[in-house]
Protein backbone atom coordinates (compact mmCIF):
# COMPACT_ATOMS: atom_id res chain seq x y z
CA UNK A 1 -4.56 -13.15 -14.06
CA UNK A 2 -2.12 -13.31 -11.11
CA UNK A 3 1.05 -15.31 -11.71
CA UNK A 4 1.90 -17.34 -8.62
CA UNK A 5 5.31 -17.16 -6.98
CA UNK A 6 6.94 -18.77 -3.94
CA UNK A 7 5.43 -16.36 -1.41
CA UNK A 8 1.84 -16.80 -2.53
CA UNK A 9 1.30 -20.13 -0.80
CA UNK A 10 1.95 -18.60 2.64
CA UNK A 11 -0.15 -15.56 1.80
CA UNK A 12 -3.11 -17.64 0.65
CA UNK A 13 -2.74 -20.12 3.51
CA UNK A 14 -3.34 -17.24 5.89
CA UNK A 15 -5.58 -15.04 3.77
CA UNK A 16 -8.16 -17.57 2.57
CA UNK A 17 -9.32 -18.74 6.02
CA UNK A 18 -9.40 -15.09 7.12
CA UNK A 19 -11.52 -14.18 4.12
CA UNK A 20 -13.91 -17.04 4.83
CA UNK A 21 -14.26 -15.97 8.47
CA UNK A 22 -14.42 -12.26 7.65
CA UNK A 23 -17.01 -12.66 4.91
CA UNK A 24 -19.38 -14.19 7.44
CA UNK A 25 -19.43 -10.84 9.23
CA UNK A 26 -20.83 -8.76 6.33
CA UNK A 27 -23.04 -11.66 5.33
CA UNK A 28 -24.43 -11.56 8.84
CA UNK A 29 -24.94 -7.83 8.44
CA UNK A 30 -26.74 -8.46 5.16
CA UNK A 31 -29.06 -10.93 6.87
CA UNK A 32 -29.74 -8.55 9.78
CA UNK A 33 -30.57 -5.72 7.38
CA UNK A 34 -32.64 -8.07 5.22
CA UNK A 35 -34.59 -9.23 8.30
CA UNK A 36 -35.37 -5.73 9.55
CA UNK A 37 -35.82 -4.53 5.97
CA UNK A 38 -38.89 -6.74 5.71
CA UNK A 39 -40.48 -5.69 9.01
CA UNK A 40 -42.54 -2.97 7.36
CA UNK A 41 -40.73 0.37 7.73
CA UNK A 42 -37.43 2.17 7.18
CA UNK A 43 -37.28 2.94 10.90
CA UNK A 44 -36.19 -0.62 11.69
CA UNK A 45 -33.33 -0.40 9.18
CA UNK A 46 -32.26 2.92 10.67
CA UNK A 47 -32.44 1.55 14.23
CA UNK A 48 -30.23 -1.45 13.47
CA UNK A 49 -27.82 0.88 11.67
CA UNK A 50 -27.58 3.20 14.66
CA UNK A 51 -27.41 0.36 17.20
CA UNK A 52 -24.74 -1.46 15.24
CA UNK A 53 -22.73 1.73 14.81
CA UNK A 54 -22.87 2.32 18.57
CA UNK A 55 -21.13 -1.01 19.15
CA UNK A 56 -18.77 -0.44 16.24
CA UNK A 57 -17.66 2.80 17.88
CA UNK A 58 -16.82 1.01 21.11
CA UNK A 59 -15.21 -2.06 19.59
CA UNK A 60 -13.27 -0.13 16.93
CA UNK A 61 -11.84 2.14 19.63
CA UNK A 62 -10.70 -1.03 21.39
CA UNK A 63 -9.25 -2.52 18.22
CA UNK A 64 -5.78 -2.36 19.76
CA UNK A 65 -6.72 -5.45 21.78
CA UNK A 66 -6.71 -7.59 18.63
CA UNK A 67 -4.02 -5.70 16.73
CA UNK A 68 -1.59 -5.70 19.64
CA UNK A 69 -2.02 -9.42 20.16
CA UNK A 70 -1.42 -10.08 16.48
CA UNK A 71 1.60 -7.83 15.90
CA UNK A 72 3.33 -8.56 19.20
CA UNK A 73 2.75 -12.31 19.02
CA UNK A 74 3.94 -12.64 15.41
CA UNK A 75 7.16 -10.79 16.20
CA UNK A 76 7.78 -12.91 19.31
CA UNK A 77 7.13 -16.04 17.28
CA UNK A 78 9.58 -14.85 14.61
CA UNK A 79 12.17 -14.34 17.34
CA UNK A 80 11.33 -17.83 18.71
CA UNK A 81 10.37 -16.42 22.11
CA UNK A 82 7.62 -18.84 23.18
CA UNK A 83 7.49 -17.59 26.75
CA UNK A 84 6.79 -14.15 25.39
CA UNK A 85 4.09 -15.62 23.16
CA UNK A 86 2.26 -16.98 26.21
CA UNK A 87 2.71 -13.69 28.07
CA UNK A 88 1.21 -11.84 25.10
CA UNK A 89 -1.91 -14.01 25.25
CA UNK A 90 -2.33 -13.53 29.00
CA UNK A 91 -1.88 -9.77 28.77
CA UNK A 92 -4.32 -9.42 25.88
CA UNK A 93 -7.01 -11.47 27.62
CA UNK A 94 -6.57 -9.59 30.90
CA UNK A 95 -7.01 -6.24 29.16
CA UNK A 96 -9.93 -7.45 27.03
CA UNK A 97 -11.98 -8.82 29.91
CA UNK A 98 -11.22 -5.86 32.21
CA UNK A 99 -12.33 -3.31 29.63
CA UNK A 100 -15.48 -5.28 28.84
CA UNK A 101 -16.58 -5.05 32.46
CA UNK A 102 -16.16 -1.27 32.32
CA UNK A 103 -18.33 -1.12 29.19
CA UNK A 104 -21.13 -2.98 30.98
CA UNK A 105 -20.80 -0.78 34.07
CA UNK A 106 -21.05 2.48 32.12
CA UNK A 107 -23.37 1.29 29.33
CA UNK A 108 -26.11 3.88 29.99
CA UNK A 109 -23.67 6.80 29.77
CA UNK A 110 -22.10 5.32 26.65
CA UNK A 111 -25.41 4.92 24.86
CA UNK A 112 -26.64 8.40 25.69
CA UNK A 113 -23.38 9.93 24.56
CA UNK A 114 -23.41 8.03 21.28
CA UNK A 115 -27.02 8.95 20.56
CA UNK A 116 -26.18 12.59 21.25
CA UNK A 117 -23.42 12.41 18.64
CA UNK A 118 -25.49 10.62 15.99
CA UNK A 119 -28.72 12.56 16.61
CA UNK A 120 -31.27 10.03 15.25
CA UNK A 121 -35.00 10.57 15.55
CA UNK A 122 -36.76 9.74 18.83
CA UNK A 123 -38.31 6.56 17.39
CA UNK A 124 -34.99 5.32 15.99
CA UNK A 125 -33.34 6.05 19.35
CA UNK A 126 -36.03 4.05 21.16
CA UNK A 127 -35.59 1.03 18.90
CA UNK A 128 -31.79 1.29 18.98
CA UNK A 129 -31.84 1.33 22.80
CA UNK A 130 -33.63 -2.04 22.82
CA UNK A 131 -30.87 -3.50 20.65
CA UNK A 132 -28.09 -1.87 22.71
CA UNK A 133 -29.41 -2.88 26.14
CA UNK A 134 -29.42 -6.54 25.11
CA UNK A 135 -26.19 -6.72 23.14
CA UNK A 136 -24.05 -4.89 25.72
CA UNK A 137 -23.95 -8.13 27.74
CA UNK A 138 -21.92 -9.67 24.93
CA UNK A 139 -18.99 -7.27 25.46
CA UNK A 140 -16.79 -9.77 27.38
CA UNK A 141 -17.36 -12.37 24.67
CA UNK A 142 -16.65 -9.96 21.80
CA UNK A 143 -13.44 -8.55 23.26
CA UNK A 144 -12.34 -12.00 24.41
CA UNK A 145 -12.76 -13.37 20.89
CA UNK A 146 -10.90 -10.35 19.49
CA UNK A 147 -7.94 -10.95 21.77
CA UNK A 148 -7.86 -14.67 21.00
CA UNK A 149 -8.26 -14.11 17.26
CA UNK A 150 -5.37 -11.63 17.21
CA UNK A 151 -3.20 -14.09 19.08
CA UNK A 152 -4.14 -16.93 16.71
CA UNK A 153 -3.21 -14.77 13.70
CA UNK A 154 0.10 -13.90 15.34
CA UNK A 155 0.72 -17.64 15.67
CA UNK A 156 0.22 -17.92 11.87
CA UNK A 157 -3.12 -19.63 12.48
CA UNK A 158 -6.13 -18.15 10.68
CA UNK A 159 -8.09 -21.40 10.51
CA UNK A 160 -9.12 -21.35 14.16
CA UNK A 161 -10.66 -17.84 13.94
CA UNK A 162 -12.41 -19.03 10.78
CA UNK A 163 -14.08 -21.93 12.59
CA UNK A 164 -15.13 -19.64 15.44
CA UNK A 165 -16.54 -17.01 13.08
CA UNK A 166 -18.49 -19.51 11.01
CA UNK A 167 -20.18 -21.13 14.00
CA UNK A 168 -20.86 -17.79 15.64
CA UNK A 169 -22.54 -16.37 12.57
CA UNK A 170 -24.52 -19.50 11.74
CA UNK A 171 -25.97 -19.36 15.27
CA UNK A 172 -26.67 -15.64 14.88
CA UNK A 173 -28.43 -15.92 11.54
CA UNK A 174 -30.49 -18.96 12.49
CA UNK A 175 -31.55 -17.68 15.90
CA UNK A 176 -32.29 -14.12 14.74
CA UNK A 177 -34.44 -15.35 11.85
CA UNK A 178 -36.28 -17.77 14.17
CA UNK A 179 -36.99 -15.14 16.83
CA UNK A 180 -38.21 -12.58 14.29
CA UNK A 181 -40.14 -14.65 11.75
CA UNK A 182 -41.35 -17.52 13.95
CA UNK A 183 -41.61 -16.11 17.47
CA UNK A 184 -42.69 -12.69 16.21
CA UNK A 185 -40.08 -10.49 17.89
CA UNK A 186 -38.81 -7.30 16.28
CA UNK A 187 -35.48 -5.59 17.03
CA UNK A 188 -35.11 -7.59 20.26
CA UNK A 189 -35.14 -10.82 18.27
CA UNK A 190 -32.11 -9.70 16.22
CA UNK A 191 -30.40 -8.55 19.43
CA UNK A 192 -30.89 -11.82 21.32
CA UNK A 193 -29.65 -13.78 18.32
CA UNK A 194 -26.51 -11.64 18.30
CA UNK A 195 -25.94 -12.02 22.05
CA UNK A 196 -26.22 -15.81 22.11
CA UNK A 197 -23.95 -16.11 19.08
CA UNK A 198 -21.26 -13.90 20.67
CA UNK A 199 -21.00 -16.11 23.76
CA UNK A 200 -21.09 -19.26 21.63
CA UNK A 201 -18.14 -17.98 19.63
CA UNK A 202 -16.13 -17.13 22.75
CA UNK A 203 -16.74 -20.55 24.29
CA UNK A 204 -15.58 -22.28 21.12
CA UNK A 205 -12.46 -20.08 20.88
CA UNK A 206 -11.43 -21.05 24.42
CA UNK A 207 -12.01 -24.74 23.72
CA UNK A 208 -9.90 -24.62 20.54
CA UNK A 209 -7.16 -22.73 22.37
CA UNK A 210 -6.92 -25.54 24.91
CA UNK A 211 -7.04 -28.25 22.25
CA UNK A 212 -4.44 -26.81 19.86
CA UNK A 213 -2.07 -24.90 22.15
CA UNK A 214 -2.04 -26.78 25.45
CA UNK A 215 1.62 -27.61 24.76
CA UNK A 216 2.55 -23.97 25.42
CA UNK A 217 1.32 -24.17 29.02
CA UNK A 218 4.81 -25.23 30.11
CA UNK A 219 6.07 -21.72 29.28
CA UNK A 220 3.66 -20.02 31.70
CA UNK A 221 5.60 -20.97 34.88
CA UNK A 222 2.39 -20.99 36.88
CA UNK A 223 -0.42 -18.48 37.19
CA UNK A 224 1.24 -16.12 39.68
CA UNK A 225 4.45 -15.73 37.69
CA UNK A 226 2.45 -15.37 34.49
CA UNK A 227 0.36 -12.57 36.00
CA UNK A 228 3.49 -10.92 37.37
CA UNK A 229 5.11 -10.86 33.92
CA UNK A 230 1.83 -9.67 32.43
CA UNK A 231 1.75 -6.72 34.82
CA UNK A 232 5.27 -5.90 33.70
CA UNK A 233 4.12 -5.88 30.08
CA UNK A 234 1.12 -3.61 30.62
CA UNK A 235 3.10 -0.37 30.67
CA UNK A 236 4.76 -1.15 27.35
CA UNK A 237 1.50 -2.60 26.03
CA UNK A 238 -0.42 0.64 26.48
CA UNK A 239 2.50 2.84 25.41
CA UNK A 240 2.84 1.02 22.10
CA UNK A 241 -0.88 1.07 21.50
CA UNK A 242 -1.49 4.72 22.32
CA UNK A 243 -0.96 5.60 18.67
CA UNK A 244 -3.14 2.71 17.52
CA UNK A 245 -5.89 3.92 19.82
CA UNK A 246 -5.67 7.50 18.53
CA UNK A 247 -5.55 6.23 14.95
CA UNK A 248 -8.70 4.24 15.67
CA UNK A 249 -10.33 7.37 17.11
CA UNK A 250 -9.80 9.01 13.71
CA UNK A 251 -11.34 6.06 11.86
CA UNK A 252 -14.25 5.78 14.27
CA UNK A 253 -14.79 9.51 14.06
CA UNK A 254 -15.14 9.34 10.28
CA UNK A 255 -17.49 6.35 10.41
CA UNK A 256 -19.56 7.84 13.20
CA UNK A 257 -19.84 11.17 11.41
CA UNK A 258 -20.80 9.39 8.19
CA UNK A 259 -23.75 7.73 9.94
CA UNK A 260 -24.66 10.90 11.85
CA UNK A 261 -24.57 13.01 8.66
CA UNK A 262 -26.94 10.54 7.03
CA UNK A 263 -29.23 10.51 10.08
CA UNK A 264 -29.49 14.30 10.03
CA UNK A 265 -30.79 14.09 6.46
CA UNK A 266 -33.68 11.86 7.49
CA UNK A 267 -34.55 8.16 7.65
CA UNK A 268 -34.61 7.67 3.86
CA UNK A 269 -31.05 8.95 3.30
CA UNK A 270 -29.82 7.11 6.41
CA UNK A 271 -31.36 3.89 5.12
CA UNK A 272 -29.86 4.42 1.64
CA UNK A 273 -26.40 5.06 3.08
CA UNK A 274 -26.72 2.02 5.35
CA UNK A 275 -27.59 -0.21 2.40
CA UNK A 276 -24.70 1.10 0.29
CA UNK A 277 -22.25 0.79 3.18
CA UNK A 278 -22.75 -2.97 2.95
CA UNK A 279 -20.83 -2.69 -0.35
CA UNK A 280 -17.97 -1.18 1.62
CA UNK A 281 -18.30 -3.79 4.35
CA UNK A 282 -18.19 -6.71 1.93
CA UNK A 283 -15.04 -5.42 0.29
CA UNK A 284 -13.35 -4.43 3.52
CA UNK A 285 -13.70 -7.82 5.14
CA UNK A 286 -12.38 -9.60 2.06
CA UNK A 287 -9.40 -7.25 1.93
CA UNK A 288 -8.88 -7.70 5.65
CA UNK A 289 -8.13 -11.34 4.88
CA UNK A 290 -4.99 -10.21 3.06
CA UNK A 291 -4.36 -7.60 5.74
CA UNK A 292 -4.38 -10.36 8.37
CA UNK A 293 -1.90 -12.30 6.25
CA UNK A 294 0.20 -9.15 6.23
CA UNK A 295 0.02 -8.90 10.01
CA UNK A 296 1.19 -12.47 10.50
CA UNK A 297 3.91 -12.59 7.85
CA UNK A 298 5.23 -9.03 8.17
CA UNK A 299 5.43 -9.40 11.95
CA UNK A 300 7.16 -12.77 11.70
CA UNK A 301 9.82 -11.63 9.24
CA UNK A 302 10.25 -8.30 11.01
CA UNK A 303 10.79 -10.12 14.31
CA UNK A 304 13.29 -12.40 12.58
CA UNK A 305 15.08 -9.33 11.06
CA UNK A 306 14.56 -10.71 7.53
CA UNK A 307 14.09 -7.48 5.56
CA UNK A 308 14.35 -8.92 2.05
CA UNK A 309 11.58 -11.46 2.58
CA UNK A 310 9.48 -8.83 4.32
CA UNK A 311 9.61 -6.55 1.26
CA UNK A 312 8.91 -9.41 -1.15
CA UNK A 313 5.86 -10.55 0.81
CA UNK A 314 4.50 -7.00 0.94
CA UNK A 315 4.88 -6.68 -2.85
CA UNK A 316 2.89 -9.85 -3.38
CA UNK A 317 0.17 -8.70 -1.01
CA UNK A 318 -0.43 -5.71 -3.27
CA UNK A 319 -0.56 -7.87 -6.38
CA UNK A 320 -3.41 -9.79 -4.78
CA UNK A 321 -4.97 -6.56 -3.55
CA UNK A 322 -5.24 -5.04 -7.02
CA UNK A 323 -6.71 -8.25 -8.39
CA UNK A 324 -9.37 -8.40 -5.70
CA UNK A 325 -10.22 -4.72 -6.23
CA UNK A 326 -10.79 -5.28 -9.94
CA UNK A 327 -13.16 -8.17 -9.24
CA UNK A 328 -15.21 -6.20 -6.73
CA UNK A 329 -15.45 -3.17 -8.98
CA UNK A 330 -16.89 -5.26 -11.81
CA UNK A 331 -19.29 -7.04 -9.45
CA UNK A 332 -20.62 -3.79 -8.02
CA UNK A 333 -20.86 -2.14 -11.42
CA UNK A 334 -23.01 -4.88 -12.94
CA UNK A 335 -24.69 -6.38 -9.87
CA UNK A 336 -25.14 -3.42 -7.56
CA UNK A 337 -28.82 -2.91 -8.34
CA UNK A 338 -29.62 -6.54 -7.61
CA UNK A 339 -27.84 -6.35 -4.26
CA UNK A 340 -29.80 -3.24 -3.27
CA UNK A 341 -33.06 -5.01 -4.12
CA UNK A 342 -31.98 -8.03 -2.08
CA UNK A 343 -31.37 -5.89 0.99
CA UNK A 344 -34.76 -4.20 1.13
CA UNK A 345 -38.19 -4.20 -0.49
CA UNK A 346 -38.85 -0.60 0.57
CA UNK A 347 -39.11 1.22 -2.76
CA UNK A 348 -38.21 4.61 -1.37
CA UNK A 349 -35.00 3.23 0.16
CA UNK A 350 -34.12 1.42 -3.08
CA UNK A 351 -34.59 4.58 -5.15
CA UNK A 352 -32.49 6.67 -2.78
CA UNK A 353 -29.67 4.10 -2.75
CA UNK A 354 -29.49 3.98 -6.55
CA UNK A 355 -28.87 7.75 -6.61
CA UNK A 356 -25.52 7.20 -4.89
CA UNK A 357 -24.50 3.72 -6.04
CA UNK A 358 -21.60 4.87 -8.24
CA UNK A 359 -19.78 6.01 -5.11
CA UNK A 360 -20.00 2.45 -3.81
CA UNK A 361 -18.52 1.21 -7.09
CA UNK A 362 -15.47 3.45 -6.48
CA UNK A 363 -14.73 2.00 -3.05
CA UNK A 364 -12.47 -0.98 -4.00
CA UNK A 365 -9.76 0.90 -5.90
CA UNK A 366 -9.89 3.87 -3.54
CA UNK A 367 -9.51 1.79 -0.39
CA UNK A 368 -7.37 -1.23 -1.24
CA UNK A 369 -3.96 0.21 -0.30
CA UNK A 370 -5.19 1.43 3.09
CA UNK A 371 -6.35 -2.06 4.07
CA UNK A 372 -3.17 -3.83 2.98
CA UNK A 373 -0.85 -1.29 4.58
CA UNK A 374 -2.83 -1.42 7.81
CA UNK A 375 -2.09 -5.13 8.06
CA UNK A 376 1.61 -4.64 7.32
CA UNK A 377 1.91 -1.77 9.79
CA UNK A 378 0.20 -3.77 12.54
CA UNK A 379 2.62 -6.64 11.96
CA UNK A 380 5.71 -4.43 12.25
CA UNK A 381 4.04 -2.34 15.01
CA UNK A 382 4.60 0.93 13.11
CA UNK A 383 1.88 2.60 15.15
CA UNK A 384 3.10 6.18 14.83
CA UNK A 385 3.04 6.00 11.03
CA UNK A 386 -0.47 4.52 11.11
CA UNK A 387 -1.60 7.45 13.22
CA UNK A 388 -0.01 10.00 10.87
CA UNK A 389 -1.78 8.60 7.81
CA UNK A 390 -5.12 8.56 9.62
CA UNK A 391 -4.78 12.18 10.73
CA UNK A 392 -4.09 13.37 7.18
CA UNK A 393 -6.96 11.29 5.77
CA UNK A 394 -9.41 12.42 8.45
CA UNK A 395 -8.58 16.08 7.82
CA UNK A 396 -9.20 15.45 4.12
CA UNK A 397 -12.59 13.87 4.84
CA UNK A 398 -13.94 16.73 6.93
CA UNK A 399 -12.51 19.43 4.66
CA UNK A 400 -14.20 17.95 1.59
CA UNK A 401 -17.50 17.36 3.38
CA UNK A 402 -17.92 20.81 4.91
CA UNK A 403 -16.75 22.55 1.73
CA UNK A 404 -19.08 20.70 -0.65
CA UNK A 405 -22.11 19.58 1.35
CA UNK A 406 -23.99 22.89 0.94
CA UNK A 407 -23.62 22.48 -2.83
CA UNK A 408 -24.10 18.77 -3.55
CA UNK A 409 -25.62 17.35 -0.36
CA UNK A 410 -25.19 13.62 0.31
CA UNK A 411 -22.87 13.27 -2.69
CA UNK A 412 -20.35 15.34 -0.74
CA UNK A 413 -20.47 12.80 2.09
CA UNK A 414 -19.65 9.96 -0.28
CA UNK A 415 -16.92 11.90 -2.10
CA UNK A 416 -15.33 12.71 1.26
CA UNK A 417 -15.33 9.00 2.16
CA UNK A 418 -13.68 7.99 -1.13
CA UNK A 419 -10.94 10.63 -0.81
CA UNK A 420 -10.41 9.66 2.83
CA UNK A 421 -9.73 6.04 1.87
CA UNK A 422 -7.37 7.05 -0.95
CA UNK A 423 -5.47 9.49 1.28
CA UNK A 424 -4.77 6.81 3.88
CA UNK A 425 -3.23 4.53 1.29
CA UNK A 426 -1.13 7.26 -0.33
CA UNK A 427 0.35 8.52 2.94
CA UNK A 428 1.05 4.98 4.14
CA UNK A 429 2.87 4.19 0.91
CA UNK A 430 5.13 7.23 1.31
CA UNK A 431 5.89 6.45 4.95
CA UNK A 432 6.47 2.73 4.34
CA UNK A 433 9.46 3.38 2.10
CA UNK A 434 10.95 5.53 4.83
CA UNK A 435 10.40 2.82 7.45
CA UNK A 436 12.22 0.07 5.54
CA UNK A 437 14.96 2.24 3.99
């Protein structure tokens, strides 16, 4: 049992709303997989997996939009620079919406390139293209929400992103289920439900921004001056986030290869890996709640040059992290089979998933440190150290996979993932002590 201390109230005030909002994301994924898992074939599960991964690749590569807004804003808030806080929001939104337009413009090239990397079957590619062609029109909404959510977290506000996430995912689940089970659509029903929900979430985020933060408008000095200062920030903005982008490339590369390696082994293995990756997703989004707390608090105290409080808060974040990891490990150990059965009624997919389920049980303790340190590093904008840890971990992943796959097959893929997660945490721990010394 965790003994509470004076820092826990701030941690939980930020972490709990983030956990509530984050958990809606994997729950949405569970519903999407459950919907397609009852359509009558493993091909639908594989198609949603490939289509979702295609968007994950794009949005993960652009993760600096959210992380930059969070880390920069929290530090400016800690330094009591409210004009800079407003500039950070404007810059983040400008970048988010500009990039989203490029994604729409080059969507055909992006999809073909991603399918070439993942190499799914022709039928899975056809179904995934239906999903992709519809959901690409949600790019401005997704990146806009990411920028706004990062800014809210930097302002020590995780409740607003929670409200946005809950509404967005309720709309998604309800509409997707209606279009599939009532209207009779297939993959396109899930896609349209996702698209409508994305724009609903963005609209709500903008409305809440105006309601809760209209008082900061006085620091903008008018639109032209705001845009002028934003242009001045862009050079520094991209320079700081170069390392975050490259670090994200490493993470996306591992995740993309994981899906591609499963796809090359056939639809059954791909479906089994997709089902078990929901175990990872559930844990990761819960841990990201504490990582978001780390972003907000570490950035605030770093910006205020309060080293002692920064270290104390980080220590408490890990106390909570180990406790959460223990709970998830026990839940997966004793309830993993039931979760697999909930996700699909395809017996062949169930049987394949159970062959690898112990790897999913190992995820919480292997990955906890990486998630917590990521939040802390984002808050203090230690982007170079984040990149270094990701490079070491990625090299570990590929070395283990290529060395062992000829001998133990798909087990090598899962072992590589577990060691990759552990390596990120270990390297980050070593580097963190050097950063604060």
